Amino acid sequence: MDITEGSKWYLISSKWLMNFKEYILQSSDEADTDAEMKIDHPGMILNEDILDEPVSLLKDPTAPYLDYNLKENLREEENYFLVNQEIWDFLYINYGGIEI
């Protein structure tokens, strides 16, 4: 990873990322449409499984990333992954979500 001062990094739940990987890795031979796919679409990136009290999301619409509390004792690569701006932008454009 190329980490430079001032660069942005985003948290993505390991659970969501694994669902995403399984979804995109399905062989095109196995399914021609979403309805025929064995793995469900991963949905929006909500990261509910790594947030403490995810019900209270988006309190400040001008800076929503400040409203989150992460659960205690989370471990990188076990519970979440860090992704750079480029990867986050790709995933956000295609799947939507809330940035953390």
PDB file of N, CA and C in Angstrom:
ATOM      1  N   MET A   1       0.828  -1.179   0.000  1.00  0.00           N
ATOM      2  CA  MET A   1       0.000   0.000   0.000  1.00  0.00           C
ATOM      3  C   MET A   1       0.872   1.242   0.000  1.00  0.00           C
ATOM      4  N   ASP A   2       0.484   2.181  -0.816  1.00  0.00           N
ATOM      5  CA  ASP A   2       1.196   3.451  -0.861  1.00  0.00           C
ATOM      6  C   ASP A   2       0.463   4.434   0.032  1.00  0.00           C
ATOM      7  N   ILE A   3       0.990   4.667   1.219  1.00  0.00           N
ATOM      8  CA  ILE A   3       0.360   5.569   2.173  1.00  0.00           C
ATOM      9  C   ILE A   3       1.109   6.885   2.168  1.00  0.00           C
ATOM     10  N   THR A   4       0.376   7.937   1.868  1.00  0.00           N
ATOM     11  CA  THR A   4       0.970   9.271   1.883  1.00  0.00           C
ATOM     12  C   THR A   4       0.210  10.136   2.877  1.00  0.00           C
ATOM     13  N   GLU A   5       0.886  11.118   3.411  1.00  0.00           N
ATOM     14  CA  GLU A   5       0.262  12.012   4.371  1.00  0.00           C
ATOM     15  C   GLU A   5      -0.942  12.708   3.741  1.00  0.00           C
ATOM     16  N   GLY A   6      -2.043  12.712   4.455  1.00  0.00           N
ATOM     17  CA  GLY A   6      -3.255  13.354   3.977  1.00  0.00           C
ATOM     18  C   GLY A   6      -4.136  12.479   3.107  1.00  0.00           C
ATOM     19  N   SER A   7      -3.698  11.244   2.799  1.00  0.00           N
ATOM     20  CA  SER A   7      -4.532  10.375   1.973  1.00  0.00           C
ATOM     21  C   SER A   7      -5.696   9.838   2.807  1.00  0.00           C
ATOM     22  N   LYS A   8      -6.813   9.580   2.137  1.00  0.00           N
ATOM     23  CA  LYS A   8      -8.004   9.070   2.807  1.00  0.00           C
ATOM     24  C   LYS A   8      -8.050   7.559   2.717  1.00  0.00           C
ATOM     25  N   TRP A   9      -8.495   6.931   3.812  1.00  0.00           N
ATOM     26  CA  TRP A   9      -8.684   5.489   3.865  1.00  0.00           C
ATOM     27  C   TRP A   9     -10.057   5.219   4.440  1.00  0.00           C
ATOM     28  N   TYR A  10     -10.678   4.157   4.008  1.00  0.00           N
ATOM     29  CA  TYR A  10     -12.044   3.836   4.389  1.00  0.00           C
ATOM     30  C   TYR A  10     -12.098   2.431   4.982  1.00  0.00           C
ATOM     31  N   LEU A  11     -12.993   2.250   5.945  1.00  0.00           N
ATOM     32  CA  LEU A  11     -13.222   0.940   6.541  1.00  0.00           C
ATOM     33  C   LEU A  11     -14.351   0.240   5.800  1.00  0.00           C
ATOM     34  N   ILE A  12     -14.144  -1.029   5.510  1.00  0.00           N
ATOM     35  CA  ILE A  12     -15.205  -1.857   4.933  1.00  0.00           C
ATOM     36  C   ILE A  12     -15.247  -3.153   5.732  1.00  0.00           C
ATOM     37  N   SER A  13     -16.433  -3.517   6.135  1.00  0.00           N
ATOM     38  CA  SER A  13     -16.648  -4.734   6.898  1.00  0.00           C
ATOM     39  C   SER A  13     -16.113  -5.956   6.143  1.00  0.00           C
ATOM     40  N   SER A  14     -15.420  -6.824   6.855  1.00  0.00           N
ATOM     41  CA  SER A  14     -14.935  -8.072   6.246  1.00  0.00           C
ATOM     42  C   SER A  14     -16.098  -8.909   5.745  1.00  0.00           C
ATOM     43  N   LYS A  15     -17.194  -8.885   6.498  1.00  0.00           N
ATOM     44  CA  LYS A  15     -18.379  -9.651   6.113  1.00  0.00           C
ATOM     45  C   LYS A  15     -18.902  -9.166   4.759  1.00  0.00           C
ATOM     46  N   TRP A  16     -19.033  -7.838   4.590  1.00  0.00           N
ATOM     47  CA  TRP A  16     -19.524  -7.312   3.318  1.00  0.00           C
ATOM     48  C   TRP A  16     -18.540  -7.635   2.199  1.00  0.00           C
ATOM     49  N   LEU A  17     -17.259  -7.459   2.468  1.00  0.00           N
ATOM     50  CA  LEU A  17     -16.246  -7.689   1.440  1.00  0.00           C
ATOM     51  C   LEU A  17     -16.216  -9.149   0.997  1.00  0.00           C
ATOM     52  N   MET A  18     -16.390 -10.069   1.914  1.00  0.00           N
ATOM     53  CA  MET A  18     -16.416 -11.495   1.554  1.00  0.00           C
ATOM     54  C   MET A  18     -17.654 -11.801   0.697  1.00  0.00           C
ATOM     55  N   ASN A  19     -18.810 -11.220   1.067  1.00  0.00           N
ATOM     56  CA  ASN A  19     -20.020 -11.400   0.250  1.00  0.00           C
ATOM     57  C   ASN A  19     -19.806 -10.836  -1.150  1.00  0.00           C
ATOM     58  N   PHE A  20     -19.173  -9.687  -1.236  1.00  0.00           N
ATOM     59  CA  PHE A  20     -18.864  -9.055  -2.517  1.00  0.00           C
ATOM     60  C   PHE A  20     -17.969  -9.965  -3.359  1.00  0.00           C
ATOM     61  N   LYS A  21     -16.897 -10.476  -2.754  1.00  0.00           N
ATOM     62  CA  LYS A  21     -15.967 -11.344  -3.488  1.00  0.00           C
ATOM     63  C   LYS A  21     -16.664 -12.598  -3.991  1.00  0.00           C
ATOM     64  N   GLU A  22     -17.466 -13.228  -3.149  1.00  0.00           N
ATOM     65  CA  GLU A  22     -18.184 -14.435  -3.570  1.00  0.00           C
ATOM     66  C   GLU A  22     -19.137 -14.122  -4.720  1.00  0.00           C
ATOM     67  N   TYR A  23     -19.799 -12.975  -4.630  1.00  0.00           N
ATOM     68  CA  TYR A  23     -20.746 -12.571  -5.663  1.00  0.00           C
ATOM     69  C   TYR A  23     -20.057 -12.369  -7.009  1.00  0.00           C
ATOM     70  N   ILE A  24     -18.948 -11.641  -7.027  1.00  0.00           N
ATOM     71  CA  ILE A  24     -18.309 -11.339  -8.317  1.00  0.00           C
ATOM     72  C   ILE A  24     -17.506 -12.510  -8.870  1.00  0.00           C
ATOM     73  N   LEU A  25     -17.132 -13.439  -8.000  1.00  0.00           N
ATOM     74  CA  LEU A  25     -16.337 -14.572  -8.472  1.00  0.00           C
ATOM     75  C   LEU A  25     -17.173 -15.720  -9.023  1.00  0.00           C
ATOM     76  N   GLN A  26     -18.490 -15.592  -8.940  1.00  0.00           N
ATOM     77  CA  GLN A  26     -19.333 -16.632  -9.510  1.00  0.00           C
ATOM     78  C   GLN A  26     -19.040 -16.748 -11.009  1.00  0.00           C
ATOM     79  N   SER A  27     -18.926 -17.934 -11.450  1.00  0.00           N
ATOM     80  CA  SER A  27     -18.638 -18.146 -12.864  1.00  0.00           C
ATOM     81  C   SER A  27     -19.808 -17.696 -13.717  1.00  0.00           C
ATOM     82  N   SER A  28     -19.520 -17.013 -14.805  1.00  0.00           N
ATOM     83  CA  SER A  28     -20.592 -16.576 -15.698  1.00  0.00           C
ATOM     84  C   SER A  28     -21.271 -17.779 -16.352  1.00  0.00           C
ATOM     85  N   ASP A  29     -20.606 -18.929 -16.360  1.00  0.00           N
ATOM     86  CA  ASP A  29     -21.214 -20.145 -16.893  1.00  0.00           C
ATOM     87  C   ASP A  29     -22.328 -20.656 -15.990  1.00  0.00           C
ATOM     88  N   GLU A  30     -22.216 -20.351 -14.704  1.00  0.00           N
ATOM     89  CA  GLU A  30     -23.205 -20.848 -13.751  1.00  0.00           C
ATOM     90  C   GLU A  30     -24.503 -20.059 -13.798  1.00  0.00           C
ATOM     91  N   ALA A  31     -24.440 -18.789 -14.107  1.00  0.00           N
ATOM     92  CA  ALA A  31     -25.639 -17.958 -14.046  1.00  0.00           C
ATOM     93  C   ALA A  31     -25.615 -16.881 -15.110  1.00  0.00           C
ATOM     94  N   ASP A  32     -26.732 -16.744 -15.797  1.00  0.00           N
ATOM     95  CA  ASP A  32     -26.849 -15.706 -16.815  1.00  0.00           C
ATOM     96  C   ASP A  32     -27.497 -14.442 -16.268  1.00  0.00           C
ATOM     97  N   THR A  33     -28.270 -14.562 -15.198  1.00  0.00           N
ATOM     98  CA  THR A  33     -28.941 -13.410 -14.601  1.00  0.00           C
ATOM     99  C   THR A  33     -28.755 -13.435 -13.095  1.00  0.00           C
ATOM    100  N   ASP A  34     -29.039 -12.301 -12.443  1.00  0.00           N
ATOM    101  CA  ASP A  34     -28.958 -12.234 -10.979  1.00  0.00           C
ATOM    102  C   ASP A  34     -29.869 -13.275 -10.337  1.00  0.00           C
ATOM    103  N   ALA A  35     -31.019 -13.535 -10.941  1.00  0.00           N
ATOM    104  CA  ALA A  35     -31.976 -14.484 -10.375  1.00  0.00           C
ATOM    105  C   ALA A  35     -31.407 -15.908 -10.342  1.00  0.00           C
ATOM    106  N   GLU A  36     -30.509 -16.238 -11.262  1.00  0.00           N
ATOM    107  CA  GLU A  36     -29.928 -17.575 -11.328  1.00  0.00           C
ATOM    108  C   GLU A  36     -28.664 -17.715 -10.479  1.00  0.00           C
ATOM    109  N   MET A  37     -28.154 -16.620  -9.937  1.00  0.00           N
ATOM    110  CA  MET A  37     -26.915 -16.667  -9.177  1.00  0.00           C
ATOM    111  C   MET A  37     -27.159 -17.301  -7.806  1.00  0.00           C
ATOM    112  N   LYS A  38     -26.206 -18.086  -7.354  1.00  0.00           N
ATOM    113  CA  LYS A  38     -26.321 -18.770  -6.066  1.00  0.00           C
ATOM    114  C   LYS A  38     -25.996 -17.841  -4.900  1.00  0.00           C
ATOM    115  N   ILE A  39     -25.130 -16.877  -5.130  1.00  0.00           N
ATOM    116  CA  ILE A  39     -24.735 -15.928  -4.093  1.00  0.00           C
ATOM    117  C   ILE A  39     -25.505 -14.626  -4.311  1.00  0.00           C
ATOM    118  N   ASP A  40     -26.134 -14.117  -3.257  1.00  0.00           N
ATOM    119  CA  ASP A  40     -26.914 -12.890  -3.357  1.00  0.00           C
ATOM    120  C   ASP A  40     -26.032 -11.670  -3.570  1.00  0.00           C
ATOM    121  N   HIS A  41     -26.613 -10.670  -4.220  1.00  0.00           N
ATOM    122  CA  HIS A  41     -25.971  -9.370  -4.397  1.00  0.00           C
ATOM    123  C   HIS A  41     -25.586  -8.843  -3.007  1.00  0.00           C
ATOM    124  N   PRO A  42     -24.395  -8.274  -2.850  1.00  0.00           N
ATOM    125  CA  PRO A  42     -23.955  -7.858  -1.512  1.00  0.00           C
ATOM    126  C   PRO A  42     -24.710  -6.658  -0.942  1.00  0.00           C
ATOM    127  N   GLY A  43     -25.415  -5.905  -1.762  1.00  0.00           N
ATOM    128  CA  GLY A  43     -26.157  -4.751  -1.276  1.00  0.00           C
ATOM    129  C   GLY A  43     -25.237  -3.578  -0.973  1.00  0.00           C
ATOM    130  N   MET A  44     -25.811  -2.544  -0.344  1.00  0.00           N
ATOM    131  CA  MET A  44     -25.040  -1.347   0.015  1.00  0.00           C
ATOM    132  C   MET A  44     -23.996  -1.669   1.075  1.00  0.00           C
ATOM    133  N   ILE A  45     -22.959  -0.870   1.110  1.00  0.00           N
ATOM    134  CA  ILE A  45     -21.909  -1.001   2.125  1.00  0.00           C
ATOM    135  C   ILE A  45     -22.373  -0.245   3.367  1.00  0.00           C
ATOM    136  N   LEU A  46     -22.976  -0.976   4.306  1.00  0.00           N
ATOM    137  CA  LEU A  46     -23.503  -0.344   5.514  1.00  0.00           C
ATOM    138  C   LEU A  46     -22.609  -0.576   6.729  1.00  0.00           C
ATOM    139  N   ASN A  47     -21.817  -1.628   6.703  1.00  0.00           N
ATOM    140  CA  ASN A  47     -20.873  -1.919   7.790  1.00  0.00           C
ATOM    141  C   ASN A  47     -21.537  -2.077   9.154  1.00  0.00           C
ATOM    142  N   GLU A  48     -22.786  -2.486   9.174  1.00  0.00           N
ATOM    143  CA  GLU A  48     -23.531  -2.606  10.429  1.00  0.00           C
ATOM    144  C   GLU A  48     -22.871  -3.547  11.427  1.00  0.00           C
ATOM    145  N   ASP A  49     -22.189  -4.558  10.935  1.00  0.00           N
ATOM    146  CA  ASP A  49     -21.598  -5.541  11.841  1.00  0.00           C
ATOM    147  C   ASP A  49     -20.352  -5.042  12.572  1.00  0.00           C
ATOM    148  N   ILE A  50     -19.792  -3.908  12.156  1.00  0.00           N
ATOM    149  CA  ILE A  50     -18.624  -3.371  12.864  1.00  0.00           C
ATOM    150  C   ILE A  50     -18.952  -2.078  13.611  1.00  0.00           C
ATOM    151  N   LEU A  51     -20.201  -1.620  13.491  1.00  0.00           N
ATOM    152  CA  LEU A  51     -20.612  -0.381  14.158  1.00  0.00           C
ATOM    153  C   LEU A  51     -21.344  -0.670  15.456  1.00  0.00           C
ATOM    154  N   ASP A  52     -21.109   0.174  16.428  1.00  0.00           N
ATOM    155  CA  ASP A  52     -21.832   0.117  17.685  1.00  0.00           C
ATOM    156  C   ASP A  52     -23.105   0.929  17.508  1.00  0.00           C
ATOM    157  N   GLU A  53     -24.239   0.334  17.734  1.00  0.00           N
ATOM    158  CA  GLU A  53     -25.546   0.971  17.573  1.00  0.00           C
ATOM    159  C   GLU A  53     -25.739   1.561  16.172  1.00  0.00           C
ATOM    160  N   PRO A  54     -25.778   0.714  15.145  1.00  0.00           N
ATOM    161  CA  PRO A  54     -25.921   1.211  13.773  1.00  0.00           C
ATOM    162  C   PRO A  54     -27.261   1.895  13.503  1.00  0.00           C
ATOM    163  N   VAL A  55     -28.219   1.798  14.411  1.00  0.00           N
ATOM    164  CA  VAL A  55     -29.524   2.432  14.217  1.00  0.00           C
ATOM    165  C   VAL A  55     -29.404   3.951  14.175  1.00  0.00           C
ATOM    166  N   SER A  56     -28.422   4.501  14.874  1.00  0.00           N
ATOM    167  CA  SER A  56     -28.294   5.957  14.977  1.00  0.00           C
ATOM    168  C   SER A  56     -27.361   6.538  13.919  1.00  0.00           C
ATOM    169  N   LEU A  57     -27.406   6.024  12.702  1.00  0.00           N
ATOM    170  CA  LEU A  57     -26.545   6.503  11.629  1.00  0.00           C
ATOM    171  C   LEU A  57     -26.975   7.877  11.116  1.00  0.00           C
ATOM    172  N   LEU A  58     -26.035   8.587  10.566  1.00  0.00           N
ATOM    173  CA  LEU A  58     -26.252   9.853   9.867  1.00  0.00           C
ATOM    174  C   LEU A  58     -26.915  10.937  10.722  1.00  0.00           C
ATOM    175  N   LYS A  59     -26.295  11.271  11.820  1.00  0.00           N
ATOM    176  CA  LYS A  59     -26.800  12.356  12.661  1.00  0.00           C
ATOM    177  C   LYS A  59     -26.440  13.715  12.084  1.00  0.00           C
ATOM    178  N   ASP A  60     -25.275  13.818  11.458  1.00  0.00           N
ATOM    179  CA  ASP A  60     -24.815  15.084  10.890  1.00  0.00           C
ATOM    180  C   ASP A  60     -24.621  14.918   9.393  1.00  0.00           C
ATOM    181  N   PRO A  61     -25.578  15.367   8.586  1.00  0.00           N
ATOM    182  CA  PRO A  61     -25.474  15.155   7.141  1.00  0.00           C
ATOM    183  C   PRO A  61     -24.279  15.841   6.489  1.00  0.00           C
ATOM    184  N   THR A  62     -23.669  16.829   7.152  1.00  0.00           N
ATOM    185  CA  THR A  62     -22.512  17.501   6.553  1.00  0.00           C
ATOM    186  C   THR A  62     -21.217  16.747   6.814  1.00  0.00           C
ATOM    187  N   ALA A  63     -21.189  15.894   7.828  1.00  0.00           N
ATOM    188  CA  ALA A  63     -19.994  15.103   8.148  1.00  0.00           C
ATOM    189  C   ALA A  63     -20.421  13.771   8.774  1.00  0.00           C
ATOM    190  N   PRO A  64     -21.116  12.928   7.998  1.00  0.00           N
ATOM    191  CA  PRO A  64     -21.659  11.694   8.579  1.00  0.00           C
ATOM    192  C   PRO A  64     -20.603  10.747   9.122  1.00  0.00           C
ATOM    193  N   TYR A  65     -19.387  10.802   8.591  1.00  0.00           N
ATOM    194  CA  TYR A  65     -18.341   9.902   9.055  1.00  0.00           C
ATOM    195  C   TYR A  65     -17.947  10.175  10.509  1.00  0.00           C
ATOM    196  N   LEU A  66     -18.353  11.297  11.058  1.00  0.00           N
ATOM    197  CA  LEU A  66     -18.044  11.616  12.456  1.00  0.00           C
ATOM    198  C   LEU A  66     -19.063  11.019  13.426  1.00  0.00           C
ATOM    199  N   ASP A  67     -20.166  10.496  12.918  1.00  0.00           N
ATOM    200  CA  ASP A  67     -21.245  10.014  13.765  1.00  0.00           C
ATOM    201  C   ASP A  67     -21.137   8.535  14.134  1.00  0.00           C
ATOM    202  N   TYR A  68     -20.118   7.858  13.727  1.00  0.00           N
ATOM    203  CA  TYR A  68     -20.020   6.429  13.948  1.00  0.00           C
ATOM    204  C   TYR A  68     -19.132   6.086  15.130  1.00  0.00           C
ATOM    205  N   ASN A  69     -19.556   5.083  15.840  1.00  0.00           N
ATOM    206  CA  ASN A  69     -18.718   4.488  16.871  1.00  0.00           C
ATOM    207  C   ASN A  69     -18.488   3.045  16.462  1.00  0.00           C
ATOM    208  N   LEU A  70     -17.237   2.665  16.371  1.00  0.00           N
ATOM    209  CA  LEU A  70     -16.916   1.281  16.033  1.00  0.00           C
ATOM    210  C   LEU A  70     -17.032   0.414  17.271  1.00  0.00           C
ATOM    211  N   LYS A  71     -17.377  -0.837  17.058  1.00  0.00           N
ATOM    212  CA  LYS A  71     -17.399  -1.790  18.163  1.00  0.00           C
ATOM    213  C   LYS A  71     -15.992  -1.924  18.722  1.00  0.00           C
ATOM    214  N   GLU A  72     -15.903  -2.297  19.966  1.00  0.00           N
ATOM    215  CA  GLU A  72     -14.597  -2.479  20.593  1.00  0.00           C
ATOM    216  C   GLU A  72     -13.956  -3.781  20.124  1.00  0.00           C
ATOM    217  N   ASN A  73     -12.648  -3.825  20.206  1.00  0.00           N
ATOM    218  CA  ASN A  73     -11.841  -5.020  19.938  1.00  0.00           C
ATOM    219  C   ASN A  73     -11.937  -5.539  18.504  1.00  0.00           C
ATOM    220  N   LEU A  74     -12.155  -4.647  17.551  1.00  0.00           N
ATOM    221  CA  LEU A  74     -12.150  -5.061  16.153  1.00  0.00           C
ATOM    222  C   LEU A  74     -10.714  -5.263  15.695  1.00  0.00           C
ATOM    223  N   ARG A  75     -10.545  -6.193  14.769  1.00  0.00           N
ATOM    224  CA  ARG A  75      -9.209  -6.473  14.235  1.00  0.00           C
ATOM    225  C   ARG A  75      -9.215  -6.314  12.717  1.00  0.00           C
ATOM    226  N   GLU A  76      -8.186  -5.600  12.248  1.00  0.00           N
ATOM    227  CA  GLU A  76      -8.044  -5.419  10.813  1.00  0.00           C
ATOM    228  C   GLU A  76      -7.889  -6.773  10.139  1.00  0.00           C
ATOM    229  N   GLU A  77      -8.528  -6.945   9.002  1.00  0.00           N
ATOM    230  CA  GLU A  77      -8.563  -8.140   8.171  1.00  0.00           C
ATOM    231  C   GLU A  77      -9.416  -9.258   8.760  1.00  0.00           C
ATOM    232  N   GLU A  78      -9.714  -9.205  10.043  1.00  0.00           N
ATOM    233  CA  GLU A  78     -10.642 -10.176  10.625  1.00  0.00           C
ATOM    234  C   GLU A  78     -12.051  -9.596  10.614  1.00  0.00           C
ATOM    235  N   ASN A  79     -12.185  -8.340  11.030  1.00  0.00           N
ATOM    236  CA  ASN A  79     -13.485  -7.686  11.105  1.00  0.00           C
ATOM    237  C   ASN A  79     -13.681  -6.609  10.042  1.00  0.00           C
ATOM    238  N   TYR A  80     -12.600  -6.029   9.570  1.00  0.00           N
ATOM    239  CA  TYR A  80     -12.691  -4.963   8.581  1.00  0.00           C
ATOM    240  C   TYR A  80     -11.413  -4.910   7.758  1.00  0.00           C
ATOM    241  N   PHE A  81     -11.514  -4.230   6.615  1.00  0.00           N
ATOM    242  CA  PHE A  81     -10.361  -3.954   5.770  1.00  0.00           C
ATOM    243  C   PHE A  81     -10.294  -2.452   5.532  1.00  0.00           C
ATOM    244  N   LEU A  82      -9.106  -1.942   5.367  1.00  0.00           N
ATOM    245  CA  LEU A  82      -8.906  -0.550   4.973  1.00  0.00           C
ATOM    246  C   LEU A  82      -8.729  -0.519   3.458  1.00  0.00           C
ATOM    247  N   VAL A  83      -9.421   0.412   2.809  1.00  0.00           N
ATOM    248  CA  VAL A  83      -9.269   0.562   1.360  1.00  0.00           C
ATOM    249  C   VAL A  83      -8.962   2.024   1.057  1.00  0.00           C
ATOM    250  N   ASN A  84      -8.248   2.243  -0.027  1.00  0.00           N
ATOM    251  CA  ASN A  84      -7.884   3.607  -0.398  1.00  0.00           C
ATOM    252  C   ASN A  84      -9.032   4.296  -1.136  1.00  0.00           C
ATOM    253  N   GLN A  85      -8.835   5.556  -1.451  1.00  0.00           N
ATOM    254  CA  GLN A  85      -9.865   6.376  -2.096  1.00  0.00           C
ATOM    255  C   GLN A  85     -10.332   5.764  -3.411  1.00  0.00           C
ATOM    256  N   GLU A  86      -9.405   5.279  -4.216  1.00  0.00           N
ATOM    257  CA  GLU A  86      -9.752   4.723  -5.527  1.00  0.00           C
ATOM    258  C   GLU A  86     -10.676   3.508  -5.405  1.00  0.00           C
ATOM    259  N   ILE A  87     -10.347   2.600  -4.506  1.00  0.00           N
ATOM    260  CA  ILE A  87     -11.183   1.408  -4.313  1.00  0.00           C
ATOM    261  C   ILE A  87     -12.533   1.800  -3.732  1.00  0.00           C
ATOM    262  N   TRP A  88     -12.529   2.694  -2.728  1.00  0.00           N
ATOM    263  CA  TRP A  88     -13.797   3.132  -2.139  1.00  0.00           C
ATOM    264  C   TRP A  88     -14.692   3.760  -3.210  1.00  0.00           C
ATOM    265  N   ASP A  89     -14.129   4.633  -4.047  1.00  0.00           N
ATOM    266  CA  ASP A  89     -14.919   5.299  -5.082  1.00  0.00           C
ATOM    267  C   ASP A  89     -15.558   4.279  -6.020  1.00  0.00           C
ATOM    268  N   PHE A  90     -14.801   3.274  -6.435  1.00  0.00           N
ATOM    269  CA  PHE A  90     -15.339   2.224  -7.312  1.00  0.00           C
ATOM    270  C   PHE A  90     -16.498   1.498  -6.637  1.00  0.00           C
ATOM    271  N   LEU A  91     -16.281   1.054  -5.390  1.00  0.00           N
ATOM    272  CA  LEU A  91     -17.327   0.323  -4.685  1.00  0.00           C
ATOM    273  C   LEU A  91     -18.544   1.196  -4.417  1.00  0.00           C
ATOM    274  N   TYR A  92     -18.315   2.444  -4.041  1.00  0.00           N
ATOM    275  CA  TYR A  92     -19.419   3.352  -3.736  1.00  0.00           C
ATOM    276  C   TYR A  92     -20.268   3.640  -4.978  1.00  0.00           C
ATOM    277  N   ILE A  93     -19.625   3.868  -6.096  1.00  0.00           N
ATOM    278  CA  ILE A  93     -20.347   4.140  -7.337  1.00  0.00           C
ATOM    279  C   ILE A  93     -21.197   2.944  -7.729  1.00  0.00           C
ATOM    280  N   ASN A  94     -20.687   1.735  -7.536  1.00  0.00           N
ATOM    281  CA  ASN A  94     -21.392   0.538  -7.959  1.00  0.00           C
ATOM    282  C   ASN A  94     -22.359  -0.034  -6.927  1.00  0.00           C
ATOM    283  N   TYR A  95     -22.116   0.204  -5.648  1.00  0.00           N
ATOM    284  CA  TYR A  95     -22.935  -0.428  -4.610  1.00  0.00           C
ATOM    285  C   TYR A  95     -23.565   0.551  -3.635  1.00  0.00           C
ATOM    286  N   GLY A  96     -23.052   1.765  -3.577  1.00  0.00           N
ATOM    287  CA  GLY A  96     -23.564   2.723  -2.603  1.00  0.00           C
ATOM    288  C   GLY A  96     -23.106   2.375  -1.207  1.00  0.00           C
ATOM    289  N   GLY A  97     -23.363   3.257  -0.282  1.00  0.00           N
ATOM    290  CA  GLY A  97     -22.981   2.984   1.084  1.00  0.00           C
ATOM    291  C   GLY A  97     -22.695   4.242   1.857  1.00  0.00           C
ATOM    292  N   ILE A  98     -22.223   4.028   3.048  1.00  0.00           N
ATOM    293  CA  ILE A  98     -21.909   5.123   3.962  1.00  0.00           C
ATOM    294  C   ILE A  98     -20.423   5.047   4.284  1.00  0.00           C
ATOM    295  N   GLU A  99     -19.740   6.158   4.068  1.00  0.00           N
ATOM    296  CA  GLU A  99     -18.283   6.132   4.268  1.00  0.00           C
ATOM    297  C   GLU A  99     -17.916   6.190   5.740  1.00  0.00           C
ATOM    298  N   ILE A 100     -16.946   5.373   6.070  1.00  0.00           N
ATOM    299  CA  ILE A 100     -16.361   5.398   7.415  1.00  0.00           C
ATOM    300  C   ILE A 100     -14.857   5.466   7.223  1.00  0.00           C
TER     301      ILE A 100
END
